[in-house]
Amino acid sequence: MRKSKGYEYYYCRSYIYNKECTSHACQKKVIEKDVIDIINKYKEMIIEVDNKITEIINRKEVSYDVEILKNKIKTNEEKKEKYIILKNSIKDDLKEKLITEEEYWEYNSEYSKKINELKKEYQLLENKLDKLNIEHTENKNWINQFKKIDKVENLDKLLIEEFIEDIVIDKNKNLKVIFKCEDKYFEAVDFINKHKCDIIP
């Protein structure tokens, strides 16, 4: 941040540090107002997500946490299968002399490592699933944290550190706030859409 003619400006750090972008700047108060608006809107969306999840659980008697873990297990199995196929395919590549023996062992080692990592992750997910019950709310902790904050009027360091991963402004001064809970938010939206509740953008 720099000052000019009595105003404070944020400058593109990619430009300042390595000249990878343009030297665009935005007034501090303008950015902060936009960020505040985005945070408050995001909280409204999260409250809507929470209401939809509660509606689904009450209507269908399903556990949100169990569903999320099952989806993670399914994704894990799909990834593991992909690496098993890749590992098997390099045998044919070696026979056809499409890769060298040295390359074969490099790929073999890499794919074996990925498969073992996914097997360990799978076991952890399965163990977690075994311990879950309908009252468990671990996957909704991020929602509860967000719901605790009052309507944001001013930005402060603690709020930014707790909830925001990054703030990005492109050369056209379009602003994007990347929240730390973004992955969990999309998991929740997938859960809602899967149960054919109203689709949330």
Protein backbone atom coordinates (compact mmCIF):
# COMPACT_ATOMS: atom_id res chain seq x y z
CA MET A 1 0.00 0.00 0.00
CA ARG A 2 1.24 3.49 -0.88
CA LYS A 3 -0.01 7.06 -0.42
CA SER A 4 -0.53 9.62 -3.16
CA LYS A 5 -2.23 13.04 -2.99
CA GLY A 6 -3.76 12.29 0.39
CA TYR A 7 -5.24 8.92 -0.69
CA GLU A 8 -4.05 5.41 0.10
CA TYR A 9 -3.68 2.95 -2.79
CA TYR A 10 -3.08 -0.77 -3.15
CA TYR A 11 -0.73 -1.67 -6.01
CA CYS A 12 -0.44 -4.97 -7.83
CA ARG A 13 2.21 -6.98 -5.98
CA SER A 14 2.91 -9.16 -9.04
CA TYR A 15 4.00 -6.00 -10.85
CA ILE A 16 5.98 -4.59 -7.92
CA TYR A 17 7.90 -7.81 -7.21
CA ASN A 18 8.43 -9.38 -10.63
CA LYS A 19 6.76 -7.19 -13.30
CA GLU A 20 4.44 -10.04 -14.29
CA CYS A 21 1.37 -7.81 -14.45
CA THR A 22 0.53 -4.14 -15.07
CA SER A 23 1.09 -1.36 -12.56
CA HIS A 24 -2.64 -0.91 -11.83
CA ALA A 25 -3.61 0.59 -8.47
CA CYS A 26 -6.89 0.88 -6.56
CA GLN A 27 -7.92 3.21 -3.80
CA LYS A 28 -7.84 1.55 -0.38
CA LYS A 29 -11.31 2.73 0.68
CA VAL A 30 -12.87 1.52 -2.59
CA ILE A 31 -11.33 -1.97 -2.24
CA GLU A 32 -12.26 -2.25 1.43
CA LYS A 33 -15.89 -1.31 0.71
CA ASP A 34 -16.07 -3.95 -2.04
CA VAL A 35 -14.48 -6.61 0.20
CA ILE A 36 -16.93 -5.79 3.03
CA ASP A 37 -19.87 -6.12 0.61
CA ILE A 38 -18.56 -9.48 -0.65
CA ILE A 39 -18.06 -10.84 2.90
CA ASN A 40 -21.59 -9.86 3.93
CA LYS A 41 -23.06 -11.36 0.75
CA TYR A 42 -21.02 -14.54 1.25
CA LYS A 43 -22.34 -14.86 4.80
CA GLU A 44 -25.92 -14.60 3.47
CA MET A 45 -25.15 -17.40 0.98
CA ILE A 46 -23.67 -19.57 3.74
CA ILE A 47 -26.78 -19.08 5.90
CA GLU A 48 -28.89 -20.17 2.92
CA VAL A 49 -26.63 -23.21 2.46
CA ASP A 50 -27.02 -24.08 6.15
CA ASN A 51 -30.82 -23.81 5.92
CA LYS A 52 -30.90 -26.07 2.86
CA ILE A 53 -28.67 -28.67 4.56
CA THR A 54 -30.92 -28.66 7.64
CA GLU A 55 -34.00 -29.00 5.42
CA ILE A 56 -32.50 -32.00 3.61
CA ILE A 57 -31.43 -33.70 6.84
CA ASN A 58 -34.87 -33.22 8.40
CA ARG A 59 -36.75 -34.26 5.24
CA LYS A 60 -34.63 -37.24 4.20
CA GLU A 61 -33.10 -38.24 7.54
CA VAL A 62 -29.59 -38.26 6.11
CA SER A 63 -26.36 -37.20 7.77
CA TYR A 64 -24.50 -34.34 6.09
CA ASP A 65 -21.17 -35.52 7.50
CA VAL A 66 -21.70 -39.09 6.29
CA GLU A 67 -22.63 -37.90 2.79
CA ILE A 68 -19.57 -35.63 2.55
CA LEU A 69 -17.25 -38.43 3.67
CA LYS A 70 -18.82 -40.90 1.23
CA ASN A 71 -18.21 -38.46 -1.62
CA LYS A 72 -14.57 -38.09 -0.53
CA ILE A 73 -14.18 -41.87 -0.44
CA LYS A 74 -15.66 -42.16 -3.93
CA THR A 75 -13.28 -39.47 -5.25
CA ASN A 76 -10.36 -41.24 -3.56
CA GLU A 77 -11.25 -44.54 -5.27
CA GLU A 78 -11.55 -42.84 -8.66
CA LYS A 79 -8.11 -41.25 -8.28
CA LYS A 80 -6.58 -44.53 -7.11
CA GLU A 81 -8.05 -46.39 -10.11
CA LYS A 82 -6.63 -43.74 -12.45
CA TYR A 83 -3.09 -44.25 -11.09
CA ILE A 84 -3.41 -48.04 -11.23
CA ILE A 85 -4.34 -47.78 -14.91
CA LEU A 86 -1.42 -45.43 -15.55
CA LYS A 87 0.97 -47.75 -13.73
CA ASN A 88 -0.16 -50.70 -15.83
CA SER A 89 -0.01 -48.74 -19.07
CA ILE A 90 3.69 -47.91 -18.74
CA LYS A 91 4.53 -51.63 -19.01
CA ASP A 92 3.15 -51.56 -22.54
CA ASP A 93 4.94 -48.28 -23.23
CA LEU A 94 8.22 -49.90 -22.25
CA LYS A 95 7.55 -52.94 -24.44
CA GLU A 96 6.76 -50.67 -27.38
CA LYS A 97 9.90 -48.66 -26.58
CA LEU A 98 7.87 -45.48 -26.18
CA ILE A 99 9.75 -44.83 -22.94
CA THR A 100 13.19 -45.82 -21.70
CA GLU A 101 13.77 -48.24 -18.83
CA GLU A 102 14.92 -45.34 -16.69
CA GLU A 103 11.68 -43.45 -17.43
CA TYR A 104 9.70 -46.60 -16.70
CA TRP A 105 11.09 -46.88 -13.18
CA GLU A 106 10.61 -43.15 -12.56
CA TYR A 107 6.93 -43.36 -13.55
CA ASN A 108 6.51 -46.63 -11.69
CA SER A 109 7.87 -45.08 -8.49
CA GLU A 110 5.75 -41.95 -8.87
CA TYR A 111 2.50 -43.86 -9.50
CA SER A 112 3.20 -46.35 -6.70
CA LYS A 113 3.74 -43.47 -4.31
CA LYS A 114 0.42 -41.86 -5.33
CA ILE A 115 -1.44 -45.16 -4.96
CA ASN A 116 -0.01 -45.76 -1.47
CA GLU A 117 -0.89 -42.21 -0.39
CA LEU A 118 -4.46 -42.69 -1.60
CA LYS A 119 -4.71 -46.05 0.17
CA LYS A 120 -3.68 -44.41 3.45
CA GLU A 121 -6.13 -41.57 2.89
CA TYR A 122 -8.87 -44.09 2.09
CA GLN A 123 -8.27 -45.93 5.36
CA LEU A 124 -8.41 -42.68 7.33
CA LEU A 125 -11.68 -41.71 5.65
CA GLU A 126 -13.17 -45.16 6.30
CA ASN A 127 -12.16 -44.99 9.98
CA LYS A 128 -13.70 -41.55 10.24
CA LEU A 129 -16.90 -42.76 8.61
CA ASP A 130 -17.15 -45.64 11.10
CA LYS A 131 -17.05 -43.20 14.01
CA LEU A 132 -19.64 -40.79 12.69
CA ASN A 133 -23.23 -40.58 13.87
CA ILE A 134 -26.19 -38.44 12.90
CA GLU A 135 -25.51 -35.79 15.54
CA HIS A 136 -21.89 -35.22 14.53
CA THR A 137 -21.34 -31.79 12.94
CA GLU A 138 -17.64 -31.63 12.15
CA ASN A 139 -18.19 -30.69 8.50
CA LYS A 140 -20.44 -27.81 9.50
CA ASN A 141 -17.96 -26.16 11.84
CA TRP A 142 -16.92 -23.73 9.09
CA ILE A 143 -20.56 -22.67 8.70
CA ASN A 144 -20.93 -22.06 12.43
CA GLN A 145 -17.73 -19.99 12.47
CA PHE A 146 -19.03 -17.78 9.67
CA LYS A 147 -22.48 -17.41 11.24
CA LYS A 148 -20.91 -16.09 14.44
CA ILE A 149 -19.65 -12.89 12.86
CA ASP A 150 -21.92 -9.84 12.91
CA LYS A 151 -22.60 -7.84 9.78
CA VAL A 152 -19.20 -6.47 8.75
CA GLU A 153 -18.92 -2.69 8.78
CA ASN A 154 -15.12 -2.36 8.88
CA LEU A 155 -12.28 -4.66 7.92
CA ASP A 156 -9.82 -5.73 10.57
CA LYS A 157 -6.74 -7.92 10.49
CA LEU A 158 -8.24 -10.73 12.60
CA LEU A 159 -11.27 -11.06 10.33
CA ILE A 160 -9.10 -11.21 7.21
CA GLU A 161 -6.68 -13.76 8.72
CA GLU A 162 -9.49 -16.04 9.89
CA PHE A 163 -11.68 -16.10 6.79
CA ILE A 164 -9.80 -14.84 3.72
CA GLU A 165 -7.13 -16.70 1.77
CA ASP A 166 -6.43 -13.99 -0.80
CA ILE A 167 -7.81 -10.89 -2.51
CA VAL A 168 -7.18 -10.66 -6.24
CA ILE A 169 -7.67 -7.63 -8.50
CA ASP A 170 -7.04 -7.99 -12.21
CA LYS A 171 -5.81 -5.29 -14.59
CA ASN A 172 -9.45 -4.30 -15.28
CA LYS A 173 -9.91 -3.74 -11.54
CA ASN A 174 -12.27 -6.71 -11.16
CA LEU A 175 -12.04 -7.91 -7.57
CA LYS A 176 -12.22 -11.51 -6.32
CA VAL A 177 -12.12 -12.57 -2.67
CA ILE A 178 -10.89 -16.14 -2.12
CA PHE A 179 -12.26 -17.51 1.16
CA LYS A 180 -10.45 -20.18 3.20
CA CYS A 181 -13.65 -22.25 3.36
CA GLU A 182 -14.22 -22.22 -0.41
CA ASP A 183 -13.66 -25.98 -0.87
CA LYS A 184 -16.11 -26.76 1.93
CA TYR A 185 -18.64 -24.33 0.47
CA PHE A 186 -18.59 -26.16 -2.88
CA GLU A 187 -18.85 -29.53 -1.07
CA ALA A 188 -22.00 -28.21 0.62
CA VAL A 189 -23.47 -26.95 -2.68
CA ASP A 190 -22.80 -30.36 -4.29
CA PHE A 191 -24.58 -32.04 -1.37
CA ILE A 192 -27.61 -29.74 -1.81
CA ASN A 193 -27.76 -30.21 -5.59
CA LYS A 194 -27.38 -33.97 -5.25
CA HIS A 195 -30.49 -34.06 -3.06
CA LYS A 196 -32.38 -31.97 -5.62
CA CYS A 197 -32.92 -29.00 -3.37
CA ASP A 198 -32.93 -25.49 -4.90
CA ILE A 199 -29.66 -24.98 -6.78
CA ILE A 200 -27.49 -22.30 -5.23
CA PRO A 201 -25.25 -20.30 -7.61
